Full PDB file with SEQRES, HELIX, SHEET, SSBOND, CRYST1, ORIGX, SCALE, CONECT and MASTER records, all heavy atoms in Angstrom:
SEQRES   1 A   30  GLU ASP GLU ILE GLN LYS ARG ASP SER ASN PHE ASP LYS          
SEQRES   2 A   30  PRO LEU LEU ILE PHE GLU GLN GLN LYS ALA GLU SER GLU          
SEQRES   3 A   30  TRP ASP MET MET                                              
HELIX    1 AA1 ASP A    2  ARG A    7  1                                   6    
HELIX    2 AA2 GLN A   20  LYS A   22  5                                   3    
HELIX    3 AA3 GLU A   26  MET A   29  1                                   4    
CRYST1    1.000    1.000    1.000  90.00  90.00  90.00 P 1           1          
ORIGX1      1.000000  0.000000  0.000000        0.00000                         
ORIGX2      0.000000  1.000000  0.000000        0.00000                         
ORIGX3      0.000000  0.000000  1.000000        0.00000                         
SCALE1      1.000000  0.000000  0.000000        0.00000                         
SCALE2      0.000000  1.000000  0.000000        0.00000                         
SCALE3      0.000000  0.000000  1.000000        0.00000                         
ATOM      1  N   GLU A   1      -4.395   6.275   2.280  1.00  0.00           N  
ATOM      2  CA  GLU A   1      -5.623   5.533   1.979  1.00  0.00           C  
ATOM      3  C   GLU A   1      -6.858   6.421   2.169  1.00  0.00           C  
ATOM      4  O   GLU A   1      -7.805   6.354   1.378  1.00  0.00           O  
ATOM      5  CB  GLU A   1      -5.697   4.289   2.855  1.00  0.00           C  
ATOM      6  CG  GLU A   1      -4.642   3.240   2.495  1.00  0.00           C  
ATOM      7  CD  GLU A   1      -4.612   2.076   3.459  1.00  0.00           C  
ATOM      8  OE1 GLU A   1      -4.833   2.289   4.681  1.00  0.00           O  
ATOM      9  OE2 GLU A   1      -4.360   0.930   3.000  1.00  0.00           O  
ATOM     10  N   ASP A   2      -6.851   7.245   3.224  1.00  0.00           N  
ATOM     11  CA  ASP A   2      -7.976   8.168   3.444  1.00  0.00           C  
ATOM     12  C   ASP A   2      -8.099   9.166   2.298  1.00  0.00           C  
ATOM     13  O   ASP A   2      -9.214   9.471   1.843  1.00  0.00           O  
ATOM     14  CB  ASP A   2      -7.783   8.928   4.763  1.00  0.00           C  
ATOM     15  CG  ASP A   2      -8.001   8.055   5.985  1.00  0.00           C  
ATOM     16  OD1 ASP A   2      -8.567   6.954   5.840  1.00  0.00           O  
ATOM     17  OD2 ASP A   2      -7.573   8.458   7.093  1.00  0.00           O  
ATOM     18  N   GLU A   3      -6.956   9.690   1.825  1.00  0.00           N  
ATOM     19  CA  GLU A   3      -6.975  10.653   0.725  1.00  0.00           C  
ATOM     20  C   GLU A   3      -7.463  10.005  -0.567  1.00  0.00           C  
ATOM     21  O   GLU A   3      -8.146  10.645  -1.379  1.00  0.00           O  
ATOM     22  CB  GLU A   3      -5.585  11.262   0.531  1.00  0.00           C  
ATOM     23  CG  GLU A   3      -5.131  12.185   1.657  1.00  0.00           C  
ATOM     24  CD  GLU A   3      -5.932  13.479   1.706  1.00  0.00           C  
ATOM     25  OE1 GLU A   3      -6.433  13.916   0.647  1.00  0.00           O  
ATOM     26  OE2 GLU A   3      -6.054  14.055   2.797  1.00  0.00           O  
ATOM     27  N   ILE A   4      -7.121   8.744  -0.783  1.00  0.00           N  
ATOM     28  CA  ILE A   4      -7.622   8.027  -1.959  1.00  0.00           C  
ATOM     29  C   ILE A   4      -9.139   7.920  -1.898  1.00  0.00           C  
ATOM     30  O   ILE A   4      -9.842   8.156  -2.887  1.00  0.00           O  
ATOM     31  CB  ILE A   4      -6.977   6.627  -2.060  1.00  0.00           C  
ATOM     32  CG1 ILE A   4      -5.498   6.758  -2.473  1.00  0.00           C  
ATOM     33  CG2 ILE A   4      -7.729   5.749  -3.054  1.00  0.00           C  
ATOM     34  CD1 ILE A   4      -4.728   5.451  -2.459  1.00  0.00           C  
ATOM     35  N   GLN A   5      -9.671   7.595  -0.714  1.00  0.00           N  
ATOM     36  CA  GLN A   5     -11.114   7.460  -0.554  1.00  0.00           C  
ATOM     37  C   GLN A   5     -11.838   8.777  -0.795  1.00  0.00           C  
ATOM     38  O   GLN A   5     -12.962   8.798  -1.309  1.00  0.00           O  
ATOM     39  CB  GLN A   5     -11.436   6.927   0.840  1.00  0.00           C  
ATOM     40  CG  GLN A   5     -11.151   5.450   1.022  1.00  0.00           C  
ATOM     41  CD  GLN A   5     -12.005   4.588   0.112  1.00  0.00           C  
ATOM     42  OE1 GLN A   5     -13.231   4.695   0.107  1.00  0.00           O  
ATOM     43  NE2 GLN A   5     -11.362   3.737  -0.680  1.00  0.00           N  
ATOM     44  N   LYS A   6     -11.216   9.911  -0.423  1.00  0.00           N  
ATOM     45  CA  LYS A   6     -11.832  11.211  -0.664  1.00  0.00           C  
ATOM     46  C   LYS A   6     -12.019  11.460  -2.159  1.00  0.00           C  
ATOM     47  O   LYS A   6     -12.981  12.115  -2.579  1.00  0.00           O  
ATOM     48  CB  LYS A   6     -10.964  12.332  -0.082  1.00  0.00           C  
ATOM     49  CG  LYS A   6     -10.917  12.383   1.440  1.00  0.00           C  
ATOM     50  CD  LYS A   6      -9.979  13.505   1.889  1.00  0.00           C  
ATOM     51  CE  LYS A   6      -9.816  13.525   3.392  1.00  0.00           C  
ATOM     52  NZ  LYS A   6      -8.834  14.579   3.826  1.00  0.00           N  
ATOM     53  N   ARG A   7     -11.108  10.957  -2.961  1.00  0.00           N  
ATOM     54  CA  ARG A   7     -11.143  11.195  -4.404  1.00  0.00           C  
ATOM     55  C   ARG A   7     -11.964  10.152  -5.141  1.00  0.00           C  
ATOM     56  O   ARG A   7     -12.566  10.454  -6.172  1.00  0.00           O  
ATOM     57  CB  ARG A   7      -9.709  11.244  -4.947  1.00  0.00           C  
ATOM     58  CG  ARG A   7      -8.978  12.514  -4.526  1.00  0.00           C  
ATOM     59  CD  ARG A   7      -7.455  12.348  -4.540  1.00  0.00           C  
ATOM     60  NE  ARG A   7      -6.810  13.609  -4.201  1.00  0.00           N  
ATOM     61  CZ  ARG A   7      -6.698  14.087  -2.958  1.00  0.00           C  
ATOM     62  NH1 ARG A   7      -7.194  13.388  -1.943  1.00  0.00           N  
ATOM     63  NH2 ARG A   7      -6.093  15.239  -2.725  1.00  0.00           N  
ATOM     64  N   ASP A   8     -11.954   8.926  -4.636  1.00  0.00           N  
ATOM     65  CA  ASP A   8     -12.689   7.840  -5.284  1.00  0.00           C  
ATOM     66  C   ASP A   8     -13.114   6.841  -4.213  1.00  0.00           C  
ATOM     67  O   ASP A   8     -12.343   5.972  -3.822  1.00  0.00           O  
ATOM     68  CB  ASP A   8     -11.808   7.167  -6.340  1.00  0.00           C  
ATOM     69  CG  ASP A   8     -12.554   6.120  -7.144  1.00  0.00           C  
ATOM     70  OD1 ASP A   8     -13.733   5.841  -6.830  1.00  0.00           O  
ATOM     71  OD2 ASP A   8     -11.969   5.556  -8.094  1.00  0.00           O  
ATOM     72  N   SER A   9     -14.350   6.977  -3.746  1.00  0.00           N  
ATOM     73  CA  SER A   9     -14.839   6.119  -2.654  1.00  0.00           C  
ATOM     74  C   SER A   9     -14.975   4.659  -3.080  1.00  0.00           C  
ATOM     75  O   SER A   9     -15.072   3.769  -2.235  1.00  0.00           O  
ATOM     76  CB  SER A   9     -16.186   6.638  -2.139  1.00  0.00           C  
ATOM     77  OG  SER A   9     -17.144   6.664  -3.188  1.00  0.00           O  
ATOM     78  N   ASN A  10     -14.985   4.419  -4.398  1.00  0.00           N  
ATOM     79  CA  ASN A  10     -15.068   3.046  -4.915  1.00  0.00           C  
ATOM     80  C   ASN A  10     -13.755   2.619  -5.581  1.00  0.00           C  
ATOM     81  O   ASN A  10     -13.765   1.818  -6.518  1.00  0.00           O  
ATOM     82  CB  ASN A  10     -16.230   2.931  -5.906  1.00  0.00           C  
ATOM     83  CG  ASN A  10     -17.571   3.183  -5.257  1.00  0.00           C  
ATOM     84  OD1 ASN A  10     -17.876   2.624  -4.207  1.00  0.00           O  
ATOM     85  ND2 ASN A  10     -18.381   4.047  -5.869  1.00  0.00           N  
ATOM     86  N   PHE A  11     -12.656   3.160  -5.098  1.00  0.00           N  
ATOM     87  CA  PHE A  11     -11.339   2.860  -5.670  1.00  0.00           C  
ATOM     88  C   PHE A  11     -11.125   1.347  -5.733  1.00  0.00           C  
ATOM     89  O   PHE A  11     -11.229   0.645  -4.720  1.00  0.00           O  
ATOM     90  CB  PHE A  11     -10.266   3.506  -4.803  1.00  0.00           C  
ATOM     91  CG  PHE A  11      -8.862   3.345  -5.316  1.00  0.00           C  
ATOM     92  CD1 PHE A  11      -8.348   4.216  -6.259  1.00  0.00           C  
ATOM     93  CD2 PHE A  11      -8.038   2.315  -4.859  1.00  0.00           C  
ATOM     94  CE1 PHE A  11      -7.042   4.090  -6.727  1.00  0.00           C  
ATOM     95  CE2 PHE A  11      -6.745   2.171  -5.320  1.00  0.00           C  
ATOM     96  CZ  PHE A  11      -6.245   3.061  -6.261  1.00  0.00           C  
ATOM     97  N   ASP A  12     -10.837   0.844  -6.944  1.00  0.00           N  
ATOM     98  CA  ASP A  12     -10.674  -0.603  -7.094  1.00  0.00           C  
ATOM     99  C   ASP A  12      -9.412  -0.985  -7.880  1.00  0.00           C  
ATOM    100  O   ASP A  12      -9.287  -2.130  -8.335  1.00  0.00           O  
ATOM    101  CB  ASP A  12     -11.911  -1.203  -7.766  1.00  0.00           C  
ATOM    102  CG  ASP A  12     -12.166  -0.655  -9.170  1.00  0.00           C  
ATOM    103  OD1 ASP A  12     -11.412   0.243  -9.608  1.00  0.00           O  
ATOM    104  OD2 ASP A  12     -13.110  -1.118  -9.831  1.00  0.00           O  
ATOM    105  N   LYS A  13      -8.496  -0.048  -8.046  1.00  0.00           N  
ATOM    106  CA  LYS A  13      -7.233  -0.386  -8.714  1.00  0.00           C  
ATOM    107  C   LYS A  13      -6.341  -1.195  -7.774  1.00  0.00           C  
ATOM    108  O   LYS A  13      -6.455  -1.076  -6.543  1.00  0.00           O  
ATOM    109  CB  LYS A  13      -6.499   0.892  -9.121  1.00  0.00           C  
ATOM    110  CG  LYS A  13      -7.212   1.755 -10.133  1.00  0.00           C  
ATOM    111  CD  LYS A  13      -6.420   3.034 -10.389  1.00  0.00           C  
ATOM    112  CE  LYS A  13      -7.152   3.971 -11.311  1.00  0.00           C  
ATOM    113  NZ  LYS A  13      -6.415   5.234 -11.532  1.00  0.00           N  
ATOM    114  N   PRO A  14      -5.425  -1.987  -8.317  1.00  0.00           N  
ATOM    115  CA  PRO A  14      -4.459  -2.666  -7.449  1.00  0.00           C  
ATOM    116  C   PRO A  14      -3.649  -1.644  -6.651  1.00  0.00           C  
ATOM    117  O   PRO A  14      -3.125  -0.680  -7.221  1.00  0.00           O  
ATOM    118  CB  PRO A  14      -3.564  -3.411  -8.436  1.00  0.00           C  
ATOM    119  CG  PRO A  14      -4.386  -3.550  -9.684  1.00  0.00           C  
ATOM    120  CD  PRO A  14      -5.246  -2.338  -9.740  1.00  0.00           C  
ATOM    121  N   LEU A  15      -3.586  -1.804  -5.337  1.00  0.00           N  
ATOM    122  CA  LEU A  15      -2.815  -0.939  -4.444  1.00  0.00           C  
ATOM    123  C   LEU A  15      -1.923  -1.848  -3.610  1.00  0.00           C  
ATOM    124  O   LEU A  15      -2.360  -2.442  -2.622  1.00  0.00           O  
ATOM    125  CB  LEU A  15      -3.752  -0.115  -3.568  1.00  0.00           C  
ATOM    126  CG  LEU A  15      -3.105   0.904  -2.628  1.00  0.00           C  
ATOM    127  CD1 LEU A  15      -2.431   2.030  -3.418  1.00  0.00           C  
ATOM    128  CD2 LEU A  15      -4.146   1.495  -1.667  1.00  0.00           C  
ATOM    129  N   LEU A  16      -0.679  -1.988  -4.023  1.00  0.00           N  
ATOM    130  CA  LEU A  16       0.265  -2.912  -3.392  1.00  0.00           C  
ATOM    131  C   LEU A  16       1.113  -2.151  -2.376  1.00  0.00           C  
ATOM    132  O   LEU A  16       1.862  -1.248  -2.756  1.00  0.00           O  
ATOM    133  CB  LEU A  16       1.164  -3.558  -4.447  1.00  0.00           C  
ATOM    134  CG  LEU A  16       0.438  -4.125  -5.687  1.00  0.00           C  
ATOM    135  CD1 LEU A  16       1.455  -4.682  -6.675  1.00  0.00           C  
ATOM    136  CD2 LEU A  16      -0.576  -5.180  -5.281  1.00  0.00           C  
ATOM    137  N   ILE A  17       0.991  -2.477  -1.101  1.00  0.00           N  
ATOM    138  CA  ILE A  17       1.654  -1.720  -0.035  1.00  0.00           C  
ATOM    139  C   ILE A  17       2.720  -2.587   0.629  1.00  0.00           C  
ATOM    140  O   ILE A  17       2.453  -3.717   1.054  1.00  0.00           O  
ATOM    141  CB  ILE A  17       0.628  -1.254   1.011  1.00  0.00           C  
ATOM    142  CG1 ILE A  17      -0.395  -0.315   0.346  1.00  0.00           C  
ATOM    143  CG2 ILE A  17       1.320  -0.548   2.179  1.00  0.00           C  
ATOM    144  CD1 ILE A  17      -1.563   0.051   1.238  1.00  0.00           C  
ATOM    145  N   PHE A  18       3.923  -2.024   0.727  1.00  0.00           N  
ATOM    146  CA  PHE A  18       5.051  -2.725   1.344  1.00  0.00           C  
ATOM    147  C   PHE A  18       5.700  -1.802   2.376  1.00  0.00           C  
ATOM    148  O   PHE A  18       6.163  -0.714   2.019  1.00  0.00           O  
ATOM    149  CB  PHE A  18       6.067  -3.145   0.281  1.00  0.00           C  
ATOM    150  CG  PHE A  18       5.477  -4.017  -0.784  1.00  0.00           C  
ATOM    151  CD1 PHE A  18       4.952  -3.453  -1.947  1.00  0.00           C  
ATOM    152  CD2 PHE A  18       5.414  -5.388  -0.627  1.00  0.00           C  
ATOM    153  CE1 PHE A  18       4.379  -4.253  -2.933  1.00  0.00           C  
ATOM    154  CE2 PHE A  18       4.843  -6.194  -1.615  1.00  0.00           C  
ATOM    155  CZ  PHE A  18       4.325  -5.620  -2.764  1.00  0.00           C  
ATOM    156  N   GLU A  19       5.695  -2.235   3.637  1.00  0.00           N  
ATOM    157  CA  GLU A  19       6.242  -1.413   4.720  1.00  0.00           C  
ATOM    158  C   GLU A  19       7.526  -2.061   5.231  1.00  0.00           C  
ATOM    159  O   GLU A  19       7.508  -3.176   5.751  1.00  0.00           O  
ATOM    160  CB  GLU A  19       5.217  -1.268   5.845  1.00  0.00           C  
ATOM    161  CG  GLU A  19       5.576  -0.192   6.847  1.00  0.00           C  
ATOM    162  CD  GLU A  19       4.381   0.222   7.675  1.00  0.00           C  
ATOM    163  OE1 GLU A  19       3.595   1.063   7.191  1.00  0.00           O  
ATOM    164  OE2 GLU A  19       4.240  -0.293   8.786  1.00  0.00           O  
ATOM    165  N   GLN A  20       8.627  -1.341   5.092  1.00  0.00           N  
ATOM    166  CA  GLN A  20       9.932  -1.937   5.343  1.00  0.00           C  
ATOM    167  C   GLN A  20      10.130  -2.352   6.791  1.00  0.00           C  
ATOM    168  O   GLN A  20      10.755  -3.388   7.077  1.00  0.00           O  
ATOM    169  CB  GLN A  20      11.043  -0.960   4.925  1.00  0.00           C  
ATOM    170  CG  GLN A  20      12.425  -1.608   4.927  1.00  0.00           C  
ATOM    171  CD  GLN A  20      13.417  -0.831   4.089  1.00  0.00           C  
ATOM    172  OE1 GLN A  20      13.107   0.216   3.552  1.00  0.00           O  
ATOM    173  NE2 GLN A  20      14.628  -1.353   3.966  1.00  0.00           N  
ATOM    174  N   GLN A  21       9.615  -1.590   7.735  1.00  0.00           N  
ATOM    175  CA  GLN A  21       9.815  -1.926   9.143  1.00  0.00           C  
ATOM    176  C   GLN A  21       9.016  -3.142   9.586  1.00  0.00           C  
ATOM    177  O   GLN A  21       9.201  -3.637  10.699  1.00  0.00           O  
ATOM    178  CB  GLN A  21       9.496  -0.714  10.017  1.00  0.00           C  
ATOM    179  CG  GLN A  21      10.538   0.404   9.866  1.00  0.00           C  
ATOM    180  CD  GLN A  21      10.160   1.693  10.560  1.00  0.00           C  
ATOM    181  OE1 GLN A  21       9.010   1.890  10.950  1.00  0.00           O  
ATOM    182  NE2 GLN A  21      11.115   2.599  10.706  1.00  0.00           N  
ATOM    183  N   LYS A  22       8.135  -3.633   8.712  1.00  0.00           N  
ATOM    184  CA  LYS A  22       7.398  -4.866   8.999  1.00  0.00           C  
ATOM    185  C   LYS A  22       7.942  -6.058   8.218  1.00  0.00           C  
ATOM    186  O   LYS A  22       7.498  -7.189   8.425  1.00  0.00           O  
ATOM    187  CB  LYS A  22       5.915  -4.676   8.664  1.00  0.00           C  
ATOM    188  CG  LYS A  22       5.182  -3.695   9.571  1.00  0.00           C  
ATOM    189  CD  LYS A  22       3.719  -3.580   9.170  1.00  0.00           C  
ATOM    190  CE  LYS A  22       2.976  -2.615  10.083  1.00  0.00           C  
ATOM    191  NZ  LYS A  22       1.545  -2.466   9.687  1.00  0.00           N  
ATOM    192  N   ALA A  23       8.888  -5.790   7.312  1.00  0.00           N  
ATOM    193  CA  ALA A  23       9.438  -6.849   6.467  1.00  0.00           C  
ATOM    194  C   ALA A  23      10.565  -7.587   7.191  1.00  0.00           C  
ATOM    195  O   ALA A  23      11.213  -7.043   8.094  1.00  0.00           O  
ATOM    196  CB  ALA A  23       9.955  -6.264   5.160  1.00  0.00           C  
ATOM    197  N   GLU A  24      10.812  -8.812   6.793  1.00  0.00           N  
ATOM    198  CA  GLU A  24      11.909  -9.598   7.379  1.00  0.00           C  
ATOM    199  C   GLU A  24      13.262  -9.000   7.031  1.00  0.00           C  
ATOM    200  O   GLU A  24      14.200  -9.049   7.823  1.00  0.00           O  
ATOM    201  CB  GLU A  24      11.832 -11.043   6.887  1.00  0.00           C  
ATOM    202  CG  GLU A  24      10.607 -11.801   7.369  1.00  0.00           C  
ATOM    203  CD  GLU A  24      10.575 -13.224   6.857  1.00  0.00           C  
ATOM    204  OE1 GLU A  24      11.577 -13.639   6.203  1.00  0.00           O  
ATOM    205  OE2 GLU A  24       9.581 -13.928   7.085  1.00  0.00           O  
ATOM    206  N   SER A  25      13.354  -8.422   5.836  1.00  0.00           N  
ATOM    207  CA  SER A  25      14.598  -7.805   5.374  1.00  0.00           C  
ATOM    208  C   SER A  25      14.278  -6.946   4.163  1.00  0.00           C  
ATOM    209  O   SER A  25      13.165  -7.023   3.604  1.00  0.00           O  
ATOM    210  CB  SER A  25      15.626  -8.875   4.985  1.00  0.00           C  
ATOM    211  OG  SER A  25      15.156  -9.625   3.869  1.00  0.00           O  
ATOM    212  N   GLU A  26      15.245  -6.125   3.761  1.00  0.00           N  
ATOM    213  CA  GLU A  26      15.046  -5.348   2.537  1.00  0.00           C  
ATOM    214  C   GLU A  26      14.866  -6.273   1.349  1.00  0.00           C  
ATOM    215  O   GLU A  26      14.017  -6.031   0.483  1.00  0.00           O  
ATOM    216  CB  GLU A  26      16.232  -4.418   2.307  1.00  0.00           C  
ATOM    217  CG  GLU A  26      16.100  -3.556   1.059  1.00  0.00           C  
ATOM    218  CD  GLU A  26      17.314  -2.683   0.796  1.00  0.00           C  
ATOM    219  OE1 GLU A  26      17.578  -1.783   1.620  1.00  0.00           O  
ATOM    220  OE2 GLU A  26      17.998  -2.911  -0.221  1.00  0.00           O  
ATOM    221  N   TRP A  27      15.641  -7.330   1.274  1.00  0.00           N  
ATOM    222  CA  TRP A  27      15.537  -8.297   0.177  1.00  0.00           C  
ATOM    223  C   TRP A  27      14.138  -8.893   0.117  1.00  0.00           C  
ATOM    224  O   TRP A  27      13.540  -9.013  -0.954  1.00  0.00           O  
ATOM    225  CB  TRP A  27      16.577  -9.391   0.345  1.00  0.00           C  
ATOM    226  CG  TRP A  27      16.447 -10.512  -0.660  1.00  0.00           C  
ATOM    227  CD1 TRP A  27      15.887 -11.730  -0.449  1.00  0.00           C  
ATOM    228  CD2 TRP A  27      16.861 -10.489  -2.019  1.00  0.00           C  
ATOM    229  NE1 TRP A  27      15.922 -12.492  -1.593  1.00  0.00           N  
ATOM    230  CE2 TRP A  27      16.526 -11.753  -2.573  1.00  0.00           C  
ATOM    231  CE3 TRP A  27      17.487  -9.542  -2.833  1.00  0.00           C  
ATOM    232  CZ2 TRP A  27      16.790 -12.071  -3.906  1.00  0.00           C  
ATOM    233  CZ3 TRP A  27      17.759  -9.873  -4.159  1.00  0.00           C  
ATOM    234  CH2 TRP A  27      17.409 -11.121  -4.680  1.00  0.00           C  
ATOM    235  N   ASP A  28      13.617  -9.254   1.281  1.00  0.00           N  
ATOM    236  CA  ASP A  28      12.264  -9.823   1.345  1.00  0.00           C  
ATOM    237  C   ASP A  28      11.247  -8.830   0.792  1.00  0.00           C  
ATOM    238  O   ASP A  28      10.410  -9.183  -0.048  1.00  0.00           O  
ATOM    239  CB  ASP A  28      11.924 -10.185   2.796  1.00  0.00           C  
ATOM    240  CG  ASP A  28      10.463 -10.511   2.985  1.00  0.00           C  
ATOM    241  OD1 ASP A  28       9.986 -11.489   2.384  1.00  0.00           O  
ATOM    242  OD2 ASP A  28       9.781  -9.777   3.738  1.00  0.00           O  
ATOM    243  N   MET A  29      11.302  -7.573   1.245  1.00  0.00           N  
ATOM    244  CA  MET A  29      10.333  -6.583   0.789  1.00  0.00           C  
ATOM    245  C   MET A  29      10.475  -6.306  -0.698  1.00  0.00           C  
ATOM    246  O   MET A  29       9.481  -6.263  -1.444  1.00  0.00           O  
ATOM    247  CB  MET A  29      10.496  -5.272   1.565  1.00  0.00           C  
ATOM    248  CG  MET A  29       9.478  -4.211   1.158  1.00  0.00           C  
ATOM    249  SD  MET A  29       9.753  -2.580   1.879  1.00  0.00           S  
ATOM    250  CE  MET A  29      11.089  -1.970   0.835  1.00  0.00           C  
ATOM    251  N   MET A  30      11.697  -6.118  -1.150  1.00  0.00           N  
ATOM    252  CA  MET A  30      11.917  -5.716  -2.532  1.00  0.00           C  
ATOM    253  C   MET A  30      11.570  -6.829  -3.517  1.00  0.00           C  
ATOM    254  O   MET A  30      11.004  -6.580  -4.584  1.00  0.00           O  
ATOM    255  CB  MET A  30      13.367  -5.278  -2.709  1.00  0.00           C  
ATOM    256  CG  MET A  30      13.693  -3.957  -2.023  1.00  0.00           C  
ATOM    257  SD  MET A  30      12.888  -2.562  -2.843  1.00  0.00           S  
ATOM    258  CE  MET A  30      13.885  -2.450  -4.330  1.00  0.00           C  
TER     259      MET A  30                                                      
MASTER        0    0    0    3    0    0    0    6  258    1    0    3          
END                                                                             
């Protein structure tokens, strides 16, 4: 996210983030 801001401080594209260790299961995340 920091590197994105360096390139475009007004970045407004959809950025969908999924972290597996925070998900209920792989099925849930996927």
